[in-house]
PDB file of all heavy atoms in Angstrom:
ATOM      1  N   GLN A   1      16.392  12.224 -29.882  1.00  0.00           N
ATOM      2  CA  GLN A   1      15.447  11.111 -29.981  1.00  0.00           C
ATOM      3  C   GLN A   1      15.772  10.033 -28.948  1.00  0.00           C
ATOM      4  O   GLN A   1      14.878   9.491 -28.309  1.00  0.00           O
ATOM      5  CB  GLN A   1      15.442  10.520 -31.388  1.00  0.00           C
ATOM      6  CG  GLN A   1      14.376   9.462 -31.596  1.00  0.00           C
ATOM      7  CD  GLN A   1      12.963  10.001 -31.438  1.00  0.00           C
ATOM      8  OE1 GLN A   1      12.588  10.989 -32.056  1.00  0.00           O
ATOM      9  NE2 GLN A   1      12.166   9.345 -30.608  1.00  0.00           N
ATOM     10  N   ALA A   2      17.049   9.728 -28.770  1.00  0.00           N
ATOM     11  CA  ALA A   2      17.453   8.711 -27.787  1.00  0.00           C
ATOM     12  C   ALA A   2      17.092   9.137 -26.365  1.00  0.00           C
ATOM     13  O   ALA A   2      16.769   8.299 -25.523  1.00  0.00           O
ATOM     14  CB  ALA A   2      18.959   8.455 -27.902  1.00  0.00           C
ATOM     15  N   ALA A   3      17.112  10.446 -26.097  1.00  0.00           N
ATOM     16  CA  ALA A   3      16.792  10.937 -24.752  1.00  0.00           C
ATOM     17  C   ALA A   3      15.291  11.029 -24.506  1.00  0.00           C
ATOM     18  O   ALA A   3      14.856  11.043 -23.352  1.00  0.00           O
ATOM     19  CB  ALA A   3      17.429  12.311 -24.546  1.00  0.00           C
ATOM     20  N   LEU A   4      14.487  11.079 -25.550  1.00  0.00           N
ATOM     21  CA  LEU A   4      13.053  11.286 -25.374  1.00  0.00           C
ATOM     22  C   LEU A   4      12.367  10.152 -24.627  1.00  0.00           C
ATOM     23  O   LEU A   4      11.473  10.399 -23.821  1.00  0.00           O
ATOM     24  CB  LEU A   4      12.379  11.509 -26.726  1.00  0.00           C
ATOM     25  CG  LEU A   4      12.616  12.889 -27.330  1.00  0.00           C
ATOM     26  CD1 LEU A   4      12.022  12.957 -28.737  1.00  0.00           C
ATOM     27  CD2 LEU A   4      12.058  13.990 -26.459  1.00  0.00           C
ATOM     28  N   THR A   5      12.758   8.923 -24.843  1.00  0.00           N
ATOM     29  CA  THR A   5      12.095   7.804 -24.159  1.00  0.00           C
ATOM     30  C   THR A   5      12.343   7.844 -22.652  1.00  0.00           C
ATOM     31  O   THR A   5      11.384   7.858 -21.881  1.00  0.00           O
ATOM     32  CB  THR A   5      12.513   6.454 -24.767  1.00  0.00           C
ATOM     33  OG1 THR A   5      12.129   6.451 -26.140  1.00  0.00           O
ATOM     34  CG2 THR A   5      11.850   5.298 -24.045  1.00  0.00           C
ATOM     35  N   PRO A   6      13.604   7.900 -22.194  1.00  0.00           N
ATOM     36  CA  PRO A   6      13.788   7.944 -20.738  1.00  0.00           C
ATOM     37  C   PRO A   6      13.302   9.242 -20.103  1.00  0.00           C
ATOM     38  O   PRO A   6      13.041   9.287 -18.903  1.00  0.00           O
ATOM     39  CB  PRO A   6      15.290   7.769 -20.554  1.00  0.00           C
ATOM     40  CG  PRO A   6      15.910   8.067 -21.863  1.00  0.00           C
ATOM     41  CD  PRO A   6      14.868   7.804 -22.901  1.00  0.00           C
ATOM     42  N   LEU A   7      13.144  10.292 -20.881  1.00  0.00           N
ATOM     43  CA  LEU A   7      12.711  11.586 -20.339  1.00  0.00           C
ATOM     44  C   LEU A   7      11.257  11.901 -20.660  1.00  0.00           C
ATOM     45  O   LEU A   7      10.809  13.036 -20.502  1.00  0.00           O
ATOM     46  CB  LEU A   7      13.611  12.703 -20.882  1.00  0.00           C
ATOM     47  CG  LEU A   7      15.092  12.589 -20.529  1.00  0.00           C
ATOM     48  CD1 LEU A   7      15.876  13.728 -21.169  1.00  0.00           C
ATOM     49  CD2 LEU A   7      15.298  12.561 -19.029  1.00  0.00           C
ATOM     50  N   ALA A   8      10.501  10.895 -21.077  1.00  0.00           N
ATOM     51  CA  ALA A   8       9.125  11.119 -21.531  1.00  0.00           C
ATOM     52  C   ALA A   8       8.255  11.822 -20.502  1.00  0.00           C
ATOM     53  O   ALA A   8       7.389  12.612 -20.860  1.00  0.00           O
ATOM     54  CB  ALA A   8       8.489   9.793 -21.940  1.00  0.00           C
ATOM     55  N   ASP A   9       8.458  11.578 -19.221  1.00  0.00           N
ATOM     56  CA  ASP A   9       7.622  12.190 -18.189  1.00  0.00           C
ATOM     57  C   ASP A   9       8.284  13.398 -17.529  1.00  0.00           C
ATOM     58  O   ASP A   9       7.850  13.832 -16.461  1.00  0.00           O
ATOM     59  CB  ASP A   9       7.265  11.145 -17.128  1.00  0.00           C
ATOM     60  CG  ASP A   9       6.363  10.053 -17.703  1.00  0.00           C
ATOM     61  OD1 ASP A   9       5.545  10.371 -18.589  1.00  0.00           O
ATOM     62  OD2 ASP A   9       6.494   8.891 -17.276  1.00  0.00           O
ATOM     63  N   MET A  10       9.312  13.933 -18.145  1.00  0.00           N
ATOM     64  CA  MET A  10       9.992  15.096 -17.588  1.00  0.00           C
ATOM     65  C   MET A  10       9.044  16.293 -17.578  1.00  0.00           C
ATOM     66  O   MET A  10       8.322  16.540 -18.539  1.00  0.00           O
ATOM     67  CB  MET A  10      11.239  15.421 -18.427  1.00  0.00           C
ATOM     68  CG  MET A  10      11.957  16.671 -17.969  1.00  0.00           C
ATOM     69  SD  MET A  10      13.520  16.969 -18.837  1.00  0.00           S
ATOM     70  CE  MET A  10      12.967  17.157 -20.526  1.00  0.00           C
ATOM     71  N   ARG A  11       9.045  17.019 -16.471  1.00  0.00           N
ATOM     72  CA  ARG A  11       8.267  18.251 -16.374  1.00  0.00           C
ATOM     73  C   ARG A  11       9.174  19.430 -16.737  1.00  0.00           C
ATOM     74  O   ARG A  11      10.285  19.536 -16.227  1.00  0.00           O
ATOM     75  CB  ARG A  11       7.694  18.422 -14.977  1.00  0.00           C
ATOM     76  CG  ARG A  11       6.617  17.397 -14.648  1.00  0.00           C
ATOM     77  CD  ARG A  11       5.889  17.684 -13.334  1.00  0.00           C
ATOM     78  NE  ARG A  11       6.662  18.319 -12.292  1.00  0.00           N
ATOM     79  CZ  ARG A  11       7.295  17.684 -11.305  1.00  0.00           C
ATOM     80  NH1 ARG A  11       7.282  16.370 -11.239  1.00  0.00           N
ATOM     81  NH2 ARG A  11       7.948  18.339 -10.387  1.00  0.00           N
ATOM     82  N   VAL A  12       8.688  20.307 -17.593  1.00  0.00           N
ATOM     83  CA  VAL A  12       9.463  21.464 -18.037  1.00  0.00           C
ATOM     84  C   VAL A  12       8.694  22.726 -17.666  1.00  0.00           C
ATOM     85  O   VAL A  12       7.527  22.879 -18.026  1.00  0.00           O
ATOM     86  CB  VAL A  12       9.707  21.438 -19.560  1.00  0.00           C
ATOM     87  CG1 VAL A  12      10.476  22.677 -20.005  1.00  0.00           C
ATOM     88  CG2 VAL A  12      10.429  20.170 -19.976  1.00  0.00           C
ATOM     89  N   GLU A  13       9.353  23.614 -16.934  1.00  0.00           N
ATOM     90  CA  GLU A  13       8.772  24.909 -16.598  1.00  0.00           C
ATOM     91  C   GLU A  13       9.652  25.986 -17.232  1.00  0.00           C
ATOM     92  O   GLU A  13      10.790  26.197 -16.815  1.00  0.00           O
ATOM     93  CB  GLU A  13       8.733  25.105 -15.085  1.00  0.00           C
ATOM     94  CG  GLU A  13       8.217  26.459 -14.673  1.00  0.00           C
ATOM     95  CD  GLU A  13       8.391  26.743 -13.186  1.00  0.00           C
ATOM     96  OE1 GLU A  13       8.813  25.846 -12.432  1.00  0.00           O
ATOM     97  OE2 GLU A  13       8.123  27.891 -12.797  1.00  0.00           O
ATOM     98  N   VAL A  14       9.138  26.638 -18.258  1.00  0.00           N
ATOM     99  CA  VAL A  14       9.885  27.704 -18.911  1.00  0.00           C
ATOM    100  C   VAL A  14       9.773  28.947 -18.031  1.00  0.00           C
ATOM    101  O   VAL A  14       8.670  29.433 -17.760  1.00  0.00           O
ATOM    102  CB  VAL A  14       9.355  27.981 -20.333  1.00  0.00           C
ATOM    103  CG1 VAL A  14      10.078  29.175 -20.957  1.00  0.00           C
ATOM    104  CG2 VAL A  14       9.515  26.741 -21.201  1.00  0.00           C
ATOM    105  N   ARG A  15      10.910  29.437 -17.558  1.00  0.00           N
ATOM    106  CA  ARG A  15      10.946  30.620 -16.698  1.00  0.00           C
ATOM    107  C   ARG A  15      11.093  31.900 -17.511  1.00  0.00           C
ATOM    108  O   ARG A  15      10.529  32.917 -17.165  1.00  0.00           O
ATOM    109  CB  ARG A  15      12.101  30.514 -15.696  1.00  0.00           C
ATOM    110  CG  ARG A  15      11.984  29.372 -14.704  1.00  0.00           C
ATOM    111  CD  ARG A  15      11.016  29.757 -13.593  1.00  0.00           C
ATOM    112  NE  ARG A  15      10.864  28.727 -12.599  1.00  0.00           N
ATOM    113  CZ  ARG A  15      11.486  28.724 -11.425  1.00  0.00           C
ATOM    114  NH1 ARG A  15      12.338  29.658 -11.112  1.00  0.00           N
ATOM    115  NH2 ARG A  15      11.254  27.751 -10.570  1.00  0.00           N
ATOM    116  N   HIS A  16      11.892  31.845 -18.568  1.00  0.00           N
ATOM    117  CA  HIS A  16      12.106  33.016 -19.430  1.00  0.00           C
ATOM    118  C   HIS A  16      12.231  32.542 -20.871  1.00  0.00           C
ATOM    119  O   HIS A  16      12.885  31.543 -21.132  1.00  0.00           O
ATOM    120  CB  HIS A  16      13.402  33.756 -19.058  1.00  0.00           C
ATOM    121  CG  HIS A  16      13.452  34.232 -17.654  1.00  0.00           C
ATOM    122  ND1 HIS A  16      14.049  33.520 -16.649  1.00  0.00           N
ATOM    123  CD2 HIS A  16      12.966  35.355 -17.082  1.00  0.00           C
ATOM    124  CE1 HIS A  16      13.938  34.182 -15.514  1.00  0.00           C
ATOM    125  NE2 HIS A  16      13.284  35.300 -15.749  1.00  0.00           N
ATOM    126  N   LEU A  17      11.623  33.273 -21.766  1.00  0.00           N
ATOM    127  CA  LEU A  17      11.805  33.056 -23.198  1.00  0.00           C
ATOM    128  C   LEU A  17      11.976  34.449 -23.801  1.00  0.00           C
ATOM    129  O   LEU A  17      11.035  35.232 -23.871  1.00  0.00           O
ATOM    130  CB  LEU A  17      10.613  32.335 -23.817  1.00  0.00           C
ATOM    131  CG  LEU A  17      10.767  31.937 -25.272  1.00  0.00           C
ATOM    132  CD1 LEU A  17      11.937  30.965 -25.468  1.00  0.00           C
ATOM    133  CD2 LEU A  17       9.487  31.330 -25.809  1.00  0.00           C
ATOM    134  N   LEU A  18      13.209  34.766 -24.158  1.00  0.00           N
ATOM    135  CA  LEU A  18      13.569  36.107 -24.603  1.00  0.00           C
ATOM    136  C   LEU A  18      14.113  36.044 -26.016  1.00  0.00           C
ATOM    137  O   LEU A  18      14.805  35.088 -26.379  1.00  0.00           O
ATOM    138  CB  LEU A  18      14.639  36.689 -23.670  1.00  0.00           C
ATOM    139  CG  LEU A  18      14.352  36.602 -22.171  1.00  0.00           C
ATOM    140  CD1 LEU A  18      15.589  36.924 -21.370  1.00  0.00           C
ATOM    141  CD2 LEU A  18      13.218  37.532 -21.804  1.00  0.00           C
ATOM    142  N   ALA A  19      13.844  37.074 -26.779  1.00  0.00           N
ATOM    143  CA  ALA A  19      14.354  37.112 -28.147  1.00  0.00           C
ATOM    144  C   ALA A  19      14.858  38.509 -28.459  1.00  0.00           C
ATOM    145  O   ALA A  19      14.271  39.512 -28.035  1.00  0.00           O
ATOM    146  CB  ALA A  19      13.265  36.722 -29.129  1.00  0.00           C
ATOM    147  N   GLU A  20      15.966  38.542 -29.175  1.00  0.00           N
ATOM    148  CA  GLU A  20      16.502  39.796 -29.698  1.00  0.00           C
ATOM    149  C   GLU A  20      17.192  39.476 -31.012  1.00  0.00           C
ATOM    150  O   GLU A  20      18.061  38.603 -31.067  1.00  0.00           O
ATOM    151  CB  GLU A  20      17.484  40.430 -28.718  1.00  0.00           C
ATOM    152  CG  GLU A  20      17.985  41.764 -29.226  1.00  0.00           C
ATOM    153  CD  GLU A  20      18.809  42.525 -28.208  1.00  0.00           C
ATOM    154  OE1 GLU A  20      18.559  42.385 -27.003  1.00  0.00           O
ATOM    155  OE2 GLU A  20      19.709  43.246 -28.641  1.00  0.00           O
ATOM    156  N   GLY A  21      16.762  40.163 -32.044  1.00  0.00           N
ATOM    157  CA  GLY A  21      17.342  39.917 -33.364  1.00  0.00           C
ATOM    158  C   GLY A  21      17.163  38.467 -33.757  1.00  0.00           C
ATOM    159  O   GLY A  21      16.066  37.923 -33.693  1.00  0.00           O
ATOM    160  N   ASP A  22      18.263  37.813 -34.127  1.00  0.00           N
ATOM    161  CA  ASP A  22      18.178  36.427 -34.592  1.00  0.00           C
ATOM    162  C   ASP A  22      18.421  35.397 -33.493  1.00  0.00           C
ATOM    163  O   ASP A  22      18.562  34.212 -33.777  1.00  0.00           O
ATOM    164  CB  ASP A  22      19.129  36.198 -35.771  1.00  0.00           C
ATOM    165  CG  ASP A  22      20.593  36.411 -35.412  1.00  0.00           C
ATOM    166  OD1 ASP A  22      20.891  36.848 -34.273  1.00  0.00           O
ATOM    167  OD2 ASP A  22      21.446  36.130 -36.272  1.00  0.00           O
ATOM    168  N   HIS A  23      18.459  35.830 -32.215  1.00  0.00           N
ATOM    169  CA  HIS A  23      18.697  34.902 -31.107  1.00  0.00           C
ATOM    170  C   HIS A  23      17.480  34.809 -30.190  1.00  0.00           C
ATOM    171  O   HIS A  23      16.802  35.807 -29.930  1.00  0.00           O
ATOM    172  CB  HIS A  23      19.905  35.343 -30.276  1.00  0.00           C
ATOM    173  CG  HIS A  23      21.200  35.063 -30.957  1.00  0.00           C
ATOM    174  ND1 HIS A  23      21.719  35.874 -31.930  1.00  0.00           N
ATOM    175  CD2 HIS A  23      22.079  34.044 -30.810  1.00  0.00           C
ATOM    176  CE1 HIS A  23      22.867  35.379 -32.356  1.00  0.00           C
ATOM    177  NE2 HIS A  23      23.107  34.261 -31.696  1.00  0.00           N
ATOM    178  N   VAL A  24      17.232  33.595 -29.714  1.00  0.00           N
ATOM    179  CA  VAL A  24      16.187  33.330 -28.729  1.00  0.00           C
ATOM    180  C   VAL A  24      16.852  32.599 -27.569  1.00  0.00           C
ATOM    181  O   VAL A  24      17.624  31.660 -27.778  1.00  0.00           O
ATOM    182  CB  VAL A  24      15.044  32.464 -29.317  1.00  0.00           C
ATOM    183  CG1 VAL A  24      14.000  32.148 -28.263  1.00  0.00           C
ATOM    184  CG2 VAL A  24      14.410  33.163 -30.517  1.00  0.00           C
ATOM    185  N   VAL A  25      16.563  33.047 -26.350  1.00  0.00           N
ATOM    186  CA  VAL A  25      17.137  32.445 -25.142  1.00  0.00           C
ATOM    187  C   VAL A  25      15.999  31.904 -24.288  1.00  0.00           C
ATOM    188  O   VAL A  25      15.013  32.604 -24.042  1.00  0.00           O
ATOM    189  CB  VAL A  25      17.955  33.473 -24.331  1.00  0.00           C
ATOM    190  CG1 VAL A  25      18.485  32.857 -23.045  1.00  0.00           C
ATOM    191  CG2 VAL A  25      19.083  34.038 -25.176  1.00  0.00           C
ATOM    192  N   MET A  26      16.149  30.660 -23.858  1.00  0.00           N
ATOM    193  CA  MET A  26      15.163  30.057 -22.967  1.00  0.00           C
ATOM    194  C   MET A  26      15.855  29.571 -21.699  1.00  0.00           C
ATOM    195  O   MET A  26      16.871  28.878 -21.757  1.00  0.00           O
ATOM    196  CB  MET A  26      14.467  28.874 -23.634  1.00  0.00           C
ATOM    197  CG  MET A  26      13.391  28.273 -22.731  1.00  0.00           C
ATOM    198  SD  MET A  26      12.530  26.871 -23.456  1.00  0.00           S
ATOM    199  CE  MET A  26      13.786  25.623 -23.369  1.00  0.00           C
ATOM    200  N   HIS A  27      15.293  29.970 -20.559  1.00  0.00           N
ATOM    201  CA  HIS A  27      15.752  29.503 -19.248  1.00  0.00           C
ATOM    202  C   HIS A  27      14.621  28.652 -18.688  1.00  0.00           C
ATOM    203  O   HIS A  27      13.472  29.095 -18.624  1.00  0.00           O
ATOM    204  CB  HIS A  27      16.024  30.726 -18.340  1.00  0.00           C
ATOM    205  CG  HIS A  27      16.111  30.403 -16.895  1.00  0.00           C
ATOM    206  ND1 HIS A  27      15.315  31.024 -15.968  1.00  0.00           N
ATOM    207  CD2 HIS A  27      16.889  29.541 -16.215  1.00  0.00           C
ATOM    208  CE1 HIS A  27      15.603  30.562 -14.767  1.00  0.00           C
ATOM    209  NE2 HIS A  27      16.551  29.654 -14.891  1.00  0.00           N
ATOM    210  N   SER A  28      14.929  27.399 -18.328  1.00  0.00           N
ATOM    211  CA  SER A  28      13.886  26.515 -17.820  1.00  0.00           C
ATOM    212  C   SER A  28      14.391  25.690 -16.648  1.00  0.00           C
ATOM    213  O   SER A  28      15.594  25.493 -16.474  1.00  0.00           O
ATOM    214  CB  SER A  28      13.378  25.580 -18.925  1.00  0.00           C
ATOM    215  OG  SER A  28      14.420  24.746 -19.382  1.00  0.00           O
ATOM    216  N   ARG A  29      13.440  25.225 -15.840  1.00  0.00           N
ATOM    217  CA  ARG A  29      13.707  24.249 -14.780  1.00  0.00           C
ATOM    218  C   ARG A  29      13.009  22.978 -15.221  1.00  0.00           C
ATOM    219  O   ARG A  29      11.880  23.005 -15.691  1.00  0.00           O
ATOM    220  CB  ARG A  29      13.166  24.724 -13.436  1.00  0.00           C
ATOM    221  CG  ARG A  29      13.993  25.862 -12.853  1.00  0.00           C
ATOM    222  CD  ARG A  29      13.478  26.263 -11.498  1.00  0.00           C
ATOM    223  NE  ARG A  29      13.881  25.343 -10.463  1.00  0.00           N
ATOM    224  CZ  ARG A  29      14.842  25.586  -9.577  1.00  0.00           C
ATOM    225  NH1 ARG A  29      15.501  26.715  -9.625  1.00  0.00           N
ATOM    226  NH2 ARG A  29      15.130  24.704  -8.646  1.00  0.00           N
ATOM    227  N   ARG A  30      13.700  21.865 -15.062  1.00  0.00           N
ATOM    228  CA  ARG A  30      13.150  20.590 -15.514  1.00  0.00           C
ATOM    229  C   ARG A  30      13.299  19.558 -14.411  1.00  0.00           C
ATOM    230  O   ARG A  30      14.372  19.399 -13.843  1.00  0.00           O
ATOM    231  CB  ARG A  30      13.873  20.126 -16.786  1.00  0.00           C
ATOM    232  CG  ARG A  30      13.794  21.161 -17.895  1.00  0.00           C
ATOM    233  CD  ARG A  30      14.596  20.795 -19.092  1.00  0.00           C
ATOM    234  NE  ARG A  30      14.655  21.933 -20.019  1.00  0.00           N
ATOM    235  CZ  ARG A  30      15.166  21.879 -21.224  1.00  0.00           C
ATOM    236  NH1 ARG A  30      15.661  20.746 -21.692  1.00  0.00           N
ATOM    237  NH2 ARG A  30      15.190  22.952 -21.981  1.00  0.00           N
ATOM    238  N   GLN A  31      12.210  18.868 -14.132  1.00  0.00           N
ATOM    239  CA  GLN A  31      12.230  17.784 -13.162  1.00  0.00           C
ATOM    240  C   GLN A  31      12.265  16.485 -13.946  1.00  0.00           C
ATOM    241  O   GLN A  31      11.331  16.180 -14.693  1.00  0.00           O
ATOM    242  CB  GLN A  31      10.996  17.825 -12.257  1.00  0.00           C
ATOM    243  CG  GLN A  31      10.953  16.716 -11.231  1.00  0.00           C
ATOM    244  CD  GLN A  31      12.088  16.802 -10.225  1.00  0.00           C
ATOM    245  OE1 GLN A  31      12.319  17.848  -9.631  1.00  0.00           O
ATOM    246  NE2 GLN A  31      12.804  15.707 -10.023  1.00  0.00           N
ATOM    247  N   LEU A  32      13.350  15.752 -13.803  1.00  0.00           N
ATOM    248  CA  LEU A  32      13.485  14.498 -14.533  1.00  0.00           C
ATOM    249  C   LEU A  32      12.534  13.464 -13.950  1.00  0.00           C
ATOM    250  O   LEU A  32      12.148  13.544 -12.785  1.00  0.00           O
ATOM    251  CB  LEU A  32      14.935  14.028 -14.492  1.00  0.00           C
ATOM    252  CG  LEU A  32      15.930  15.014 -15.149  1.00  0.00           C
ATOM    253  CD1 LEU A  32      17.343  14.466 -15.079  1.00  0.00           C
ATOM    254  CD2 LEU A  32      15.548  15.307 -16.578  1.00  0.00           C
ATOM    255  N   PRO A  33      12.132  12.479 -14.728  1.00  0.00           N
ATOM    256  CA  PRO A  33      11.132  11.495 -14.290  1.00  0.00           C
ATOM    257  C   PRO A  33      11.564  10.698 -13.068  1.00  0.00           C
ATOM    258  O   PRO A  33      12.767  10.532 -12.807  1.00  0.00           O
ATOM    259  CB  PRO A  33      10.979  10.574 -15.492  1.00  0.00           C
ATOM    260  CG  PRO A  33      11.587  11.273 -16.648  1.00  0.00           C
ATOM    261  CD  PRO A  33      12.580  12.233 -16.092  1.00  0.00           C
ATOM    262  N   GLY A  34      10.551  10.182 -12.364  1.00  0.00           N
ATOM    263  CA  GLY A  34      10.812   9.350 -11.191  1.00  0.00           C
ATOM    264  C   GLY A  34      11.550  10.140 -10.128  1.00  0.00           C
ATOM    265  O   GLY A  34      11.193  11.255  -9.803  1.00  0.00           O
TER     266      GLY A  34
END
């Protein structure tokens, strides 16, 4: 919650979202604001 305000305009590009059994793995590139 504390990070959401300064990161409100962050761009998130999910490159991979993989799941096997009870695990989910996400690989993303994020451009921080400004």
